Amino acid sequence: MGRFVIRRLLQMIPLLFGITFLTFAIINLVPGSPVTASALNPRMRPEDRERIIENLGLNEPWPQRYVQWVGNVLQGDLGLSLKNSIPVTDTILSVLPNTLLLTGVSLVLAFVISIPLGIYSAIKRNSWFDNTVTVAATAGYSVPTFWLGLLMIILFGVKFQQWGLYSLPFVGHRSLRETGFLDRVEHLILPAIALAVVDLAGWTRYIRGQMLEVVRQDYVRTAHAKGLANRRVLFGHAFRNALLPLITLVGLSLPGLFGGAFVIETIFSWNGIGRLTVNAANESDYTVVMGTTLMFALLILVANLITDIGYALLDPRIRLE
């Protein structure tokens, strides 16, 4: 196990280099720069703009700036924001807990709800419950995340308030005057549900299919023939083997989950890394975009590594080394 973890950690190094290099190349090859807006300022002289470009190091070729950036990263320095000169590390760490809270709650929500829905749908195959879950899961998997988020804002945030019903907050991660736990939960409900729906729908269908396949296996029929209780057969034998492929599916879904955070955080004005990245990209703040890209890449790679280890621990037949 130890050798496997070390080998995977070493494999992350060239992958991170590739991700950051492509990101750095793209953001430097697209039109615009952090000083583009200053060209519209009539009080800004051309020599002043040139001095700003030189101070920011933007007059150097981008491959050379990428090498300098990598050297600074290896020393633990992500640089300063090109817009406000605040350290990128401090900027990311200030919003990272909000993104981890949103994605973590969404992941747990999708996992906890999809498992009983998938199991019961498989047990009640072709019943009205199974048909309802199937239609709802298909619709949920097909709905774009941004459209669902906007629809939830209109319905639960605006219309409910107009109808005199209790409406949920849909802007930011907390109120300006309230900092309590309940206030954070209220702000979390809509974005967490909107982010979880796609995975919830997909995992429900997947668990249902896996359960239908597992219950036809010989060892399940043997367990029934021995007189074991139906609940013990389902959860002690069938569900455990049906759950193993889901662990891998969860790991593969993490990039989409973090990618969905970009959209959801922007729609709900959630103060997280996704919204920070979008705002930095609009302002051509290269250092912040590179820092958030590196952070997202690390989170996804580490999550996939944990998924592989968890898969091996759940199934003793699998050996990672």
C-alpha atoms as a PDB file:
ATOM      1  CA  MET A   1       0.000   0.000   0.000  1.00  0.00           C
ATOM      2  CA  GLY A   2       2.799   2.405   0.891  1.00  0.00           C
ATOM      3  CA  ARG A   3       4.583   1.886  -2.421  1.00  0.00           C
ATOM      4  CA  PHE A   4       1.329   2.436  -4.299  1.00  0.00           C
ATOM      5  CA  VAL A   5       0.712   5.764  -2.545  1.00  0.00           C
ATOM      6  CA  ILE A   6       4.281   6.934  -3.209  1.00  0.00           C
ATOM      7  CA  ARG A   7       4.024   5.900  -6.861  1.00  0.00           C
ATOM      8  CA  ARG A   8       0.745   7.763  -7.304  1.00  0.00           C
ATOM      9  CA  LEU A   9       2.167  10.858  -5.628  1.00  0.00           C
ATOM     10  CA  LEU A  10       5.111  10.814  -8.021  1.00  0.00           C
ATOM     11  CA  GLN A  11       2.739  10.436 -10.969  1.00  0.00           C
ATOM     12  CA  MET A  12       0.936  13.591  -9.874  1.00  0.00           C
ATOM     13  CA  ILE A  13       4.033  15.725 -10.513  1.00  0.00           C
ATOM     14  CA  PRO A  14       4.112  15.576 -14.360  1.00  0.00           C
ATOM     15  CA  LEU A  15       0.310  15.756 -14.433  1.00  0.00           C
ATOM     16  CA  LEU A  16       0.323  18.966 -12.395  1.00  0.00           C
ATOM     17  CA  PHE A  17       3.016  20.385 -14.678  1.00  0.00           C
ATOM     18  CA  GLY A  18       0.867  19.608 -17.710  1.00  0.00           C
ATOM     19  CA  ILE A  19      -2.294  21.125 -16.224  1.00  0.00           C
ATOM     20  CA  THR A  20      -0.605  24.321 -15.071  1.00  0.00           C
ATOM     21  CA  PHE A  21       1.341  24.720 -18.336  1.00  0.00           C
ATOM     22  CA  LEU A  22      -1.797  24.457 -20.483  1.00  0.00           C
ATOM     23  CA  THR A  23      -3.684  26.830 -18.190  1.00  0.00           C
ATOM     24  CA  PHE A  24      -0.839  29.357 -18.211  1.00  0.00           C
ATOM     25  CA  ALA A  25      -0.591  29.161 -21.998  1.00  0.00           C
ATOM     26  CA  ILE A  26      -4.339  29.641 -22.534  1.00  0.00           C
ATOM     27  CA  ILE A  27      -4.760  32.632 -20.235  1.00  0.00           C
ATOM     28  CA  ASN A  28      -1.719  34.343 -21.755  1.00  0.00           C
ATOM     29  CA  LEU A  29      -2.671  33.698 -25.380  1.00  0.00           C
ATOM     30  CA  VAL A  30      -6.237  35.031 -25.119  1.00  0.00           C
ATOM     31  CA  PRO A  31      -6.686  38.771 -25.790  1.00  0.00           C
ATOM     32  CA  GLY A  32      -6.541  41.128 -22.857  1.00  0.00           C
ATOM     33  CA  SER A  33      -4.314  41.680 -19.841  1.00  0.00           C
ATOM     34  CA  PRO A  34      -4.603  43.162 -16.341  1.00  0.00           C
ATOM     35  CA  VAL A  35      -3.785  46.629 -17.771  1.00  0.00           C
ATOM     36  CA  THR A  36      -6.195  46.506 -20.711  1.00  0.00           C
ATOM     37  CA  ALA A  37      -8.848  48.487 -18.839  1.00  0.00           C
ATOM     38  CA  SER A  38      -6.338  51.257 -18.171  1.00  0.00           C
ATOM     39  CA  ALA A  39      -6.202  51.983 -21.919  1.00  0.00           C
ATOM     40  CA  LEU A  40      -9.712  53.454 -21.593  1.00  0.00           C
ATOM     41  CA  ASN A  41      -8.607  55.868 -18.892  1.00  0.00           C
ATOM     42  CA  PRO A  42      -7.815  59.229 -20.533  1.00  0.00           C
ATOM     43  CA  ARG A  43      -5.652  60.210 -17.566  1.00  0.00           C
ATOM     44  CA  MET A  44      -3.388  57.192 -17.984  1.00  0.00           C
ATOM     45  CA  ARG A  45      -0.354  58.083 -20.073  1.00  0.00           C
ATOM     46  CA  PRO A  46       1.229  55.447 -22.370  1.00  0.00           C
ATOM     47  CA  GLU A  47       4.489  55.578 -20.421  1.00  0.00           C
ATOM     48  CA  ASP A  48       2.572  54.891 -17.207  1.00  0.00           C
ATOM     49  CA  ARG A  49       0.969  51.816 -18.754  1.00  0.00           C
ATOM     50  CA  GLU A  50       4.337  50.594 -19.941  1.00  0.00           C
ATOM     51  CA  ARG A  51       5.756  51.045 -16.454  1.00  0.00           C
ATOM     52  CA  ILE A  52       2.869  49.037 -14.959  1.00  0.00           C
ATOM     53  CA  ILE A  53       3.404  46.252 -17.506  1.00  0.00           C
ATOM     54  CA  GLU A  54       7.106  46.176 -16.659  1.00  0.00           C
ATOM     55  CA  ASN A  55       6.453  46.143 -12.904  1.00  0.00           C
ATOM     56  CA  LEU A  56       4.054  43.221 -13.323  1.00  0.00           C
ATOM     57  CA  GLY A  57       6.559  41.348 -15.493  1.00  0.00           C
ATOM     58  CA  LEU A  58       4.113  41.146 -18.393  1.00  0.00           C
ATOM     59  CA  ASN A  59       6.709  42.405 -20.866  1.00  0.00           C
ATOM     60  CA  GLU A  60       8.556  39.083 -20.659  1.00  0.00           C
ATOM     61  CA  PRO A  61       7.622  36.070 -22.856  1.00  0.00           C
ATOM     62  CA  TRP A  62       4.978  33.895 -21.201  1.00  0.00           C
ATOM     63  CA  PRO A  63       7.120  30.690 -21.250  1.00  0.00           C
ATOM     64  CA  GLN A  64       9.749  32.529 -19.252  1.00  0.00           C
ATOM     65  CA  ARG A  65       7.120  33.789 -16.825  1.00  0.00           C
ATOM     66  CA  TYR A  66       5.780  30.233 -16.457  1.00  0.00           C
ATOM     67  CA  VAL A  67       9.225  28.962 -15.465  1.00  0.00           C
ATOM     68  CA  GLN A  68       9.489  31.762 -12.914  1.00  0.00           C
ATOM     69  CA  TRP A  69       6.033  30.915 -11.584  1.00  0.00           C
ATOM     70  CA  VAL A  70       6.929  27.233 -11.180  1.00  0.00           C
ATOM     71  CA  GLY A  71      10.109  28.189  -9.352  1.00  0.00           C
ATOM     72  CA  ASN A  72       8.146  30.338  -6.936  1.00  0.00           C
ATOM     73  CA  VAL A  73       5.535  27.604  -6.403  1.00  0.00           C
ATOM     74  CA  LEU A  74       8.249  25.112  -5.497  1.00  0.00           C
ATOM     75  CA  GLN A  75       9.253  27.572  -2.779  1.00  0.00           C
ATOM     76  CA  GLY A  76       5.662  27.805  -1.539  1.00  0.00           C
ATOM     77  CA  ASP A  77       4.952  31.188  -3.106  1.00  0.00           C
ATOM     78  CA  LEU A  78       1.927  31.537  -5.409  1.00  0.00           C
ATOM     79  CA  GLY A  79       2.682  35.198  -6.000  1.00  0.00           C
ATOM     80  CA  LEU A  80       0.595  38.327  -5.579  1.00  0.00           C
ATOM     81  CA  SER A  81      -2.721  39.185  -7.170  1.00  0.00           C
ATOM     82  CA  LEU A  82      -2.179  41.433 -10.181  1.00  0.00           C
ATOM     83  CA  LYS A  83      -5.277  43.459  -9.249  1.00  0.00           C
ATOM     84  CA  ASN A  84      -4.865  44.194  -5.546  1.00  0.00           C
ATOM     85  CA  SER A  85      -1.372  42.879  -4.663  1.00  0.00           C
ATOM     86  CA  ILE A  86      -2.778  40.524  -2.005  1.00  0.00           C
ATOM     87  CA  PRO A  87      -0.932  37.180  -1.671  1.00  0.00           C
ATOM     88  CA  VAL A  88      -2.695  34.539  -3.749  1.00  0.00           C
ATOM     89  CA  THR A  89      -2.256  31.952  -0.999  1.00  0.00           C
ATOM     90  CA  ASP A  90      -4.133  34.122   1.499  1.00  0.00           C
ATOM     91  CA  THR A  91      -6.866  34.816  -1.053  1.00  0.00           C
ATOM     92  CA  ILE A  92      -7.397  31.109  -1.775  1.00  0.00           C
ATOM     93  CA  LEU A  93      -7.275  30.018   1.859  1.00  0.00           C
ATOM     94  CA  SER A  94      -9.892  32.619   2.772  1.00  0.00           C
ATOM     95  CA  VAL A  95     -12.483  31.052   0.413  1.00  0.00           C
ATOM     96  CA  LEU A  96     -11.351  27.404   0.331  1.00  0.00           C
ATOM     97  CA  PRO A  97     -13.447  26.366   3.379  1.00  0.00           C
ATOM     98  CA  ASN A  98     -16.596  27.648   1.660  1.00  0.00           C
ATOM     99  CA  THR A  99     -15.954  25.559  -1.464  1.00  0.00           C
ATOM    100  CA  LEU A 100     -15.106  22.454   0.567  1.00  0.00           C
ATOM    101  CA  LEU A 101     -18.288  22.954   2.609  1.00  0.00           C
ATOM    102  CA  LEU A 102     -20.458  23.288  -0.497  1.00  0.00           C
ATOM    103  CA  THR A 103     -18.956  20.341  -2.389  1.00  0.00           C
ATOM    104  CA  GLY A 104     -18.753  18.181   0.742  1.00  0.00           C
ATOM    105  CA  VAL A 105     -22.399  18.705   1.678  1.00  0.00           C
ATOM    106  CA  SER A 106     -23.461  18.108  -1.930  1.00  0.00           C
ATOM    107  CA  LEU A 107     -21.446  14.894  -2.075  1.00  0.00           C
ATOM    108  CA  VAL A 108     -22.875  13.571   1.188  1.00  0.00           C
ATOM    109  CA  LEU A 109     -26.385  14.631   0.185  1.00  0.00           C
ATOM    110  CA  ALA A 110     -26.190  12.804  -3.147  1.00  0.00           C
ATOM    111  CA  PHE A 111     -24.647   9.711  -1.542  1.00  0.00           C
ATOM    112  CA  VAL A 112     -27.090   9.437   1.350  1.00  0.00           C
ATOM    113  CA  ILE A 113     -30.212   9.933  -0.765  1.00  0.00           C
ATOM    114  CA  SER A 114     -29.183   7.912  -3.832  1.00  0.00           C
ATOM    115  CA  ILE A 115     -28.387   4.710  -1.895  1.00  0.00           C
ATOM    116  CA  PRO A 116     -31.847   4.076  -0.358  1.00  0.00           C
ATOM    117  CA  LEU A 117     -33.605   5.271  -3.515  1.00  0.00           C
ATOM    118  CA  GLY A 118     -31.539   2.943  -5.718  1.00  0.00           C
ATOM    119  CA  ILE A 119     -31.943  -0.060  -3.411  1.00  0.00           C
ATOM    120  CA  TYR A 120     -35.678   0.342  -2.880  1.00  0.00           C
ATOM    121  CA  SER A 121     -36.202   1.021  -6.581  1.00  0.00           C
ATOM    122  CA  ALA A 122     -34.441  -2.263  -7.396  1.00  0.00           C
ATOM    123  CA  ILE A 123     -36.466  -4.152  -4.766  1.00  0.00           C
ATOM    124  CA  LYS A 124     -39.724  -2.714  -6.146  1.00  0.00           C
ATOM    125  CA  ARG A 125     -38.749  -3.199  -9.770  1.00  0.00           C
ATOM    126  CA  ASN A 126     -41.391  -2.078 -12.298  1.00  0.00           C
ATOM    127  CA  SER A 127     -43.624  -0.709  -9.528  1.00  0.00           C
ATOM    128  CA  TRP A 128     -45.009   2.821  -9.470  1.00  0.00           C
ATOM    129  CA  PHE A 129     -42.198   3.823  -7.094  1.00  0.00           C
ATOM    130  CA  ASP A 130     -39.540   2.419  -9.436  1.00  0.00           C
ATOM    131  CA  ASN A 131     -41.074   4.138 -12.447  1.00  0.00           C
ATOM    132  CA  THR A 132     -41.312   7.452 -10.601  1.00  0.00           C
ATOM    133  CA  VAL A 133     -37.696   7.266  -9.440  1.00  0.00           C
ATOM    134  CA  THR A 134     -36.551   6.312 -12.935  1.00  0.00           C
ATOM    135  CA  VAL A 135     -38.324   9.247 -14.569  1.00  0.00           C
ATOM    136  CA  ALA A 136     -37.124  11.686 -11.883  1.00  0.00           C
ATOM    137  CA  ALA A 137     -33.524  10.420 -12.085  1.00  0.00           C
ATOM    138  CA  THR A 138     -33.490  10.683 -15.877  1.00  0.00           C
ATOM    139  CA  ALA A 139     -34.855  14.227 -15.714  1.00  0.00           C
ATOM    140  CA  GLY A 140     -32.429  15.238 -12.963  1.00  0.00           C
ATOM    141  CA  TYR A 141     -29.452  13.868 -14.869  1.00  0.00           C
ATOM    142  CA  SER A 142     -30.515  15.750 -18.013  1.00  0.00           C
ATOM    143  CA  VAL A 143     -31.133  19.158 -16.438  1.00  0.00           C
ATOM    144  CA  PRO A 144     -28.261  21.663 -16.837  1.00  0.00           C
ATOM    145  CA  THR A 145     -26.879  22.751 -13.485  1.00  0.00           C
ATOM    146  CA  PHE A 146     -27.042  26.471 -14.248  1.00  0.00           C
ATOM    147  CA  TRP A 147     -30.695  26.233 -15.363  1.00  0.00           C
ATOM    148  CA  LEU A 148     -31.648  24.299 -12.253  1.00  0.00           C
ATOM    149  CA  GLY A 149     -29.916  26.845 -10.043  1.00  0.00           C
ATOM    150  CA  LEU A 150     -31.728  29.765 -11.688  1.00  0.00           C
ATOM    151  CA  LEU A 151     -35.051  27.913 -11.460  1.00  0.00           C
ATOM    152  CA  MET A 152     -34.559  27.281  -7.739  1.00  0.00           C
ATOM    153  CA  ILE A 153     -33.736  30.951  -7.176  1.00  0.00           C
ATOM    154  CA  ILE A 154     -36.898  32.060  -8.980  1.00  0.00           C
ATOM    155  CA  LEU A 155     -39.134  29.538  -7.214  1.00  0.00           C
ATOM    156  CA  PHE A 156     -37.800  29.211  -3.666  1.00  0.00           C
ATOM    157  CA  GLY A 157     -36.215  32.647  -3.372  1.00  0.00           C
ATOM    158  CA  VAL A 158     -38.481  35.022  -5.308  1.00  0.00           C
ATOM    159  CA  LYS A 159     -41.871  33.400  -5.871  1.00  0.00           C
ATOM    160  CA  PHE A 160     -42.155  32.007  -2.356  1.00  0.00           C
ATOM    161  CA  GLN A 161     -41.561  35.490  -0.988  1.00  0.00           C
ATOM    162  CA  GLN A 162     -44.216  36.959  -3.290  1.00  0.00           C
ATOM    163  CA  TRP A 163     -46.686  34.281  -2.242  1.00  0.00           C
ATOM    164  CA  GLY A 164     -46.095  35.004   1.440  1.00  0.00           C
ATOM    165  CA  LEU A 165     -44.309  31.698   2.035  1.00  0.00           C
ATOM    166  CA  TYR A 166     -40.973  31.116   3.722  1.00  0.00           C
ATOM    167  CA  SER A 167     -38.265  31.876   1.165  1.00  0.00           C
ATOM    168  CA  LEU A 168     -34.670  30.726   1.281  1.00  0.00           C
ATOM    169  CA  PRO A 169     -31.706  33.102   0.845  1.00  0.00           C
ATOM    170  CA  PHE A 170     -29.921  32.705  -2.481  1.00  0.00           C
ATOM    171  CA  VAL A 171     -27.120  35.293  -2.399  1.00  0.00           C
ATOM    172  CA  GLY A 172     -23.803  34.720  -0.684  1.00  0.00           C
ATOM    173  CA  HIS A 173     -22.765  32.194   1.945  1.00  0.00           C
ATOM    174  CA  ARG A 174     -24.073  34.140   4.951  1.00  0.00           C
ATOM    175  CA  SER A 175     -26.055  37.228   5.843  1.00  0.00           C
ATOM    176  CA  LEU A 176     -24.315  40.505   6.541  1.00  0.00           C
ATOM    177  CA  ARG A 177     -25.804  40.806  10.013  1.00  0.00           C
ATOM    178  CA  GLU A 178     -26.137  37.111  10.915  1.00  0.00           C
ATOM    179  CA  THR A 179     -23.220  34.736  11.476  1.00  0.00           C
ATOM    180  CA  GLY A 180     -24.949  31.861  13.253  1.00  0.00           C
ATOM    181  CA  PHE A 181     -25.134  28.208  12.271  1.00  0.00           C
ATOM    182  CA  LEU A 182     -28.750  28.330  11.099  1.00  0.00           C
ATOM    183  CA  ASP A 183     -27.991  31.264   8.829  1.00  0.00           C
ATOM    184  CA  ARG A 184     -25.169  29.333   7.168  1.00  0.00           C
ATOM    185  CA  VAL A 185     -27.436  26.310   6.722  1.00  0.00           C
ATOM    186  CA  GLU A 186     -30.166  28.406   5.092  1.00  0.00           C
ATOM    187  CA  HIS A 187     -27.694  29.874   2.598  1.00  0.00           C
ATOM    188  CA  LEU A 188     -26.313  26.407   1.895  1.00  0.00           C
ATOM    189  CA  ILE A 189     -29.591  24.624   1.079  1.00  0.00           C
ATOM    190  CA  LEU A 190     -30.251  25.877  -2.460  1.00  0.00           C
ATOM    191  CA  PRO A 191     -26.692  25.753  -3.880  1.00  0.00           C
ATOM    192  CA  ALA A 192     -25.987  22.362  -2.274  1.00  0.00           C
ATOM    193  CA  ILE A 193     -29.147  20.813  -3.714  1.00  0.00           C
ATOM    194  CA  ALA A 194     -28.542  22.338  -7.160  1.00  0.00           C
ATOM    195  CA  LEU A 195     -25.001  20.968  -7.178  1.00  0.00           C
ATOM    196  CA  ALA A 196     -26.032  17.525  -5.908  1.00  0.00           C
ATOM    197  CA  VAL A 197     -28.935  16.808  -8.267  1.00  0.00           C
ATOM    198  CA  VAL A 198     -26.892  15.520 -11.227  1.00  0.00           C
ATOM    199  CA  ASP A 199     -24.826  13.103  -9.119  1.00  0.00           C
ATOM    200  CA  LEU A 200     -27.880  12.113  -7.088  1.00  0.00           C
ATOM    201  CA  ALA A 201     -29.773  11.179 -10.238  1.00  0.00           C
ATOM    202  CA  GLY A 202     -26.872   9.330 -11.840  1.00  0.00           C
ATOM    203  CA  TRP A 203     -25.923   7.377  -8.725  1.00  0.00           C
ATOM    204  CA  THR A 204     -29.534   6.374  -8.071  1.00  0.00           C
ATOM    205  CA  ARG A 205     -29.803   4.811 -11.515  1.00  0.00           C
ATOM    206  CA  TYR A 206     -26.392   3.184 -11.109  1.00  0.00           C
ATOM    207  CA  ILE A 207     -27.179   1.632  -7.716  1.00  0.00           C
ATOM    208  CA  ARG A 208     -30.490   0.327  -9.032  1.00  0.00           C
ATOM    209  CA  GLY A 209     -28.765  -1.341 -11.974  1.00  0.00           C
ATOM    210  CA  GLN A 210     -26.024  -2.809  -9.787  1.00  0.00           C
ATOM    211  CA  MET A 211     -28.510  -4.183  -7.274  1.00  0.00           C
ATOM    212  CA  LEU A 212     -30.571  -5.808 -10.023  1.00  0.00           C
ATOM    213  CA  GLU A 213     -27.423  -7.451 -11.341  1.00  0.00           C
ATOM    214  CA  VAL A 214     -26.114  -8.578  -7.949  1.00  0.00           C
ATOM    215  CA  VAL A 215     -29.381 -10.113  -6.703  1.00  0.00           C
ATOM    216  CA  ARG A 216     -29.244 -12.538  -9.643  1.00  0.00           C
ATOM    217  CA  GLN A 217     -25.865 -13.932  -8.553  1.00  0.00           C
ATOM    218  CA  ASP A 218     -25.558 -17.487  -7.241  1.00  0.00           C
ATOM    219  CA  TYR A 219     -24.293 -16.485  -3.794  1.00  0.00           C
ATOM    220  CA  VAL A 220     -27.403 -14.363  -3.225  1.00  0.00           C
ATOM    221  CA  ARG A 221     -29.678 -17.251  -4.123  1.00  0.00           C
ATOM    222  CA  THR A 222     -27.609 -19.500  -1.869  1.00  0.00           C
ATOM    223  CA  ALA A 223     -28.019 -17.048   1.012  1.00  0.00           C
ATOM    224  CA  HIS A 224     -31.777 -17.087   0.507  1.00  0.00           C
ATOM    225  CA  ALA A 225     -31.743 -20.905   0.340  1.00  0.00           C
ATOM    226  CA  LYS A 226     -29.974 -21.024   3.716  1.00  0.00           C
ATOM    227  CA  GLY A 227     -32.895 -19.211   5.249  1.00  0.00           C
ATOM    228  CA  LEU A 228     -31.186 -15.882   5.930  1.00  0.00           C
ATOM    229  CA  ALA A 229     -33.452 -12.916   6.469  1.00  0.00           C
ATOM    230  CA  ASN A 230     -34.162 -10.872   3.364  1.00  0.00           C
ATOM    231  CA  ARG A 231     -32.771  -7.709   4.970  1.00  0.00           C
ATOM    232  CA  ARG A 232     -29.505  -9.468   5.846  1.00  0.00           C
ATOM    233  CA  VAL A 233     -29.152 -10.843   2.332  1.00  0.00           C
ATOM    234  CA  LEU A 234     -29.767  -7.460   0.736  1.00  0.00           C
ATOM    235  CA  PHE A 235     -27.548  -5.345   2.958  1.00  0.00           C
ATOM    236  CA  GLY A 236     -25.011  -7.896   4.133  1.00  0.00           C
ATOM    237  CA  HIS A 237     -24.330  -9.570   0.798  1.00  0.00           C
ATOM    238  CA  ALA A 238     -25.884  -7.849  -2.200  1.00  0.00           C
ATOM    239  CA  PHE A 239     -25.485  -4.197  -1.243  1.00  0.00           C
ATOM    240  CA  ARG A 240     -21.840  -4.488  -0.207  1.00  0.00           C
ATOM    241  CA  ASN A 241     -20.833  -5.882  -3.594  1.00  0.00           C
ATOM    242  CA  ALA A 242     -23.052  -3.405  -5.425  1.00  0.00           C
ATOM    243  CA  LEU A 243     -21.435  -0.559  -3.483  1.00  0.00           C
ATOM    244  CA  LEU A 244     -17.868  -1.266  -4.639  1.00  0.00           C
ATOM    245  CA  PRO A 245     -18.239   0.063  -8.203  1.00  0.00           C
ATOM    246  CA  LEU A 246     -20.014   3.114  -6.772  1.00  0.00           C
ATOM    247  CA  ILE A 247     -16.819   4.059  -4.900  1.00  0.00           C
ATOM    248  CA  THR A 248     -15.016   4.350  -8.232  1.00  0.00           C
ATOM    249  CA  LEU A 249     -17.964   6.228  -9.729  1.00  0.00           C
ATOM    250  CA  VAL A 250     -17.832   8.750  -6.890  1.00  0.00           C
ATOM    251  CA  GLY A 251     -14.136   9.326  -7.550  1.00  0.00           C
ATOM    252  CA  LEU A 252     -14.793   9.858 -11.246  1.00  0.00           C
ATOM    253  CA  SER A 253     -17.598  12.282 -10.414  1.00  0.00           C
ATOM    254  CA  LEU A 254     -15.396  14.587  -8.334  1.00  0.00           C
ATOM    255  CA  PRO A 255     -14.026  16.589 -11.301  1.00  0.00           C
ATOM    256  CA  GLY A 256     -17.584  17.257 -12.426  1.00  0.00           C
ATOM    257  CA  LEU A 257     -18.542  18.185  -8.874  1.00  0.00           C
ATOM    258  CA  PHE A 258     -15.737  20.731  -8.588  1.00  0.00           C
ATOM    259  CA  GLY A 259     -16.491  21.959 -12.095  1.00  0.00           C
ATOM    260  CA  GLY A 260     -20.128  22.421 -11.162  1.00  0.00           C
ATOM    261  CA  ALA A 261     -18.992  24.505  -8.209  1.00  0.00           C
ATOM    262  CA  PHE A 262     -17.744  27.131 -10.682  1.00  0.00           C
ATOM    263  CA  VAL A 263     -21.271  27.536 -12.056  1.00  0.00           C
ATOM    264  CA  ILE A 264     -23.172  27.229  -8.786  1.00  0.00           C
ATOM    265  CA  GLU A 265     -20.893  29.590  -6.872  1.00  0.00           C
ATOM    266  CA  THR A 266     -21.259  32.187  -9.611  1.00  0.00           C
ATOM    267  CA  ILE A 267     -25.064  31.897  -9.793  1.00  0.00           C
ATOM    268  CA  PHE A 268     -25.571  32.009  -6.027  1.00  0.00           C
ATOM    269  CA  SER A 269     -22.715  34.481  -5.404  1.00  0.00           C
ATOM    270  CA  TRP A 270     -21.185  31.860  -3.123  1.00  0.00           C
ATOM    271  CA  ASN A 271     -17.812  33.118  -1.927  1.00  0.00           C
ATOM    272  CA  GLY A 272     -15.690  30.135  -2.970  1.00  0.00           C
ATOM    273  CA  ILE A 273     -12.807  29.191  -5.222  1.00  0.00           C
ATOM    274  CA  GLY A 274     -15.057  28.749  -8.244  1.00  0.00           C
ATOM    275  CA  ARG A 275     -16.431  32.289  -8.059  1.00  0.00           C
ATOM    276  CA  LEU A 276     -12.954  33.600  -7.269  1.00  0.00           C
ATOM    277  CA  THR A 277     -11.599  31.916 -10.405  1.00  0.00           C
ATOM    278  CA  VAL A 278     -14.361  33.278 -12.635  1.00  0.00           C
ATOM    279  CA  ASN A 279     -13.853  36.820 -11.343  1.00  0.00           C
ATOM    280  CA  ALA A 280     -10.076  36.526 -11.696  1.00  0.00           C
ATOM    281  CA  ALA A 281     -10.430  35.253 -15.282  1.00  0.00           C
ATOM    282  CA  ASN A 282     -12.693  38.168 -16.175  1.00  0.00           C
ATOM    283  CA  GLU A 283     -10.099  40.560 -14.762  1.00  0.00           C
ATOM    284  CA  SER A 284      -7.149  38.714 -16.365  1.00  0.00           C
ATOM    285  CA  ASP A 285      -5.646  38.188 -12.924  1.00  0.00           C
ATOM    286  CA  TYR A 286      -3.221  35.487 -14.059  1.00  0.00           C
ATOM    287  CA  THR A 287      -1.665  34.651 -10.706  1.00  0.00           C
ATOM    288  CA  VAL A 288      -5.015  34.043  -9.001  1.00  0.00           C
ATOM    289  CA  VAL A 289      -6.252  31.857 -11.880  1.00  0.00           C
ATOM    290  CA  MET A 290      -3.061  29.790 -11.747  1.00  0.00           C
ATOM    291  CA  GLY A 291      -3.314  29.421  -7.983  1.00  0.00           C
ATOM    292  CA  THR A 292      -6.942  28.268  -8.045  1.00  0.00           C
ATOM    293  CA  THR A 293      -6.253  25.903 -10.966  1.00  0.00           C
ATOM    294  CA  LEU A 294      -3.402  24.316  -9.037  1.00  0.00           C
ATOM    295  CA  MET A 295      -5.611  23.992  -5.956  1.00  0.00           C
ATOM    296  CA  PHE A 296      -8.466  22.341  -7.872  1.00  0.00           C
ATOM    297  CA  ALA A 297      -6.046  19.947  -9.578  1.00  0.00           C
ATOM    298  CA  LEU A 298      -4.554  18.930  -6.230  1.00  0.00           C
ATOM    299  CA  LEU A 299      -7.982  18.398  -4.672  1.00  0.00           C
ATOM    300  CA  ILE A 300      -9.124  16.173  -7.546  1.00  0.00           C
ATOM    301  CA  LEU A 301      -5.904  14.109  -7.650  1.00  0.00           C
ATOM    302  CA  VAL A 302      -5.876  13.567  -3.891  1.00  0.00           C
ATOM    303  CA  ALA A 303      -9.575  12.656  -3.924  1.00  0.00           C
ATOM    304  CA  ASN A 304      -8.968  10.063  -6.672  1.00  0.00           C
ATOM    305  CA  LEU A 305      -6.077   8.624  -4.671  1.00  0.00           C
ATOM    306  CA  ILE A 306      -8.283   8.290  -1.589  1.00  0.00           C
ATOM    307  CA  THR A 307     -10.935   6.614  -3.766  1.00  0.00           C
ATOM    308  CA  ASP A 308      -8.460   3.978  -4.991  1.00  0.00           C
ATOM    309  CA  ILE A 309      -7.286   3.265  -1.458  1.00  0.00           C
ATOM    310  CA  GLY A 310     -10.855   3.032  -0.168  1.00  0.00           C
ATOM    311  CA  TYR A 311     -11.790   0.632  -2.975  1.00  0.00           C
ATOM    312  CA  ALA A 312      -8.936  -1.673  -2.012  1.00  0.00           C
ATOM    313  CA  LEU A 313      -9.828  -1.544   1.682  1.00  0.00           C
ATOM    314  CA  LEU A 314     -13.475  -2.443   0.988  1.00  0.00           C
ATOM    315  CA  ASP A 315     -12.585  -5.370  -1.272  1.00  0.00           C
ATOM    316  CA  PRO A 316      -9.728  -7.553   0.101  1.00  0.00           C
ATOM    317  CA  ARG A 317      -9.436  -9.254  -3.303  1.00  0.00           C
ATOM    318  CA  ILE A 318      -7.972  -6.058  -4.760  1.00  0.00           C
ATOM    319  CA  ARG A 319      -4.283  -5.433  -4.255  1.00  0.00           C
ATOM    320  CA  LEU A 320      -2.844  -2.067  -5.154  1.00  0.00           C
ATOM    321  CA  GLU A 321       0.734  -3.312  -5.173  1.00  0.00           C
END
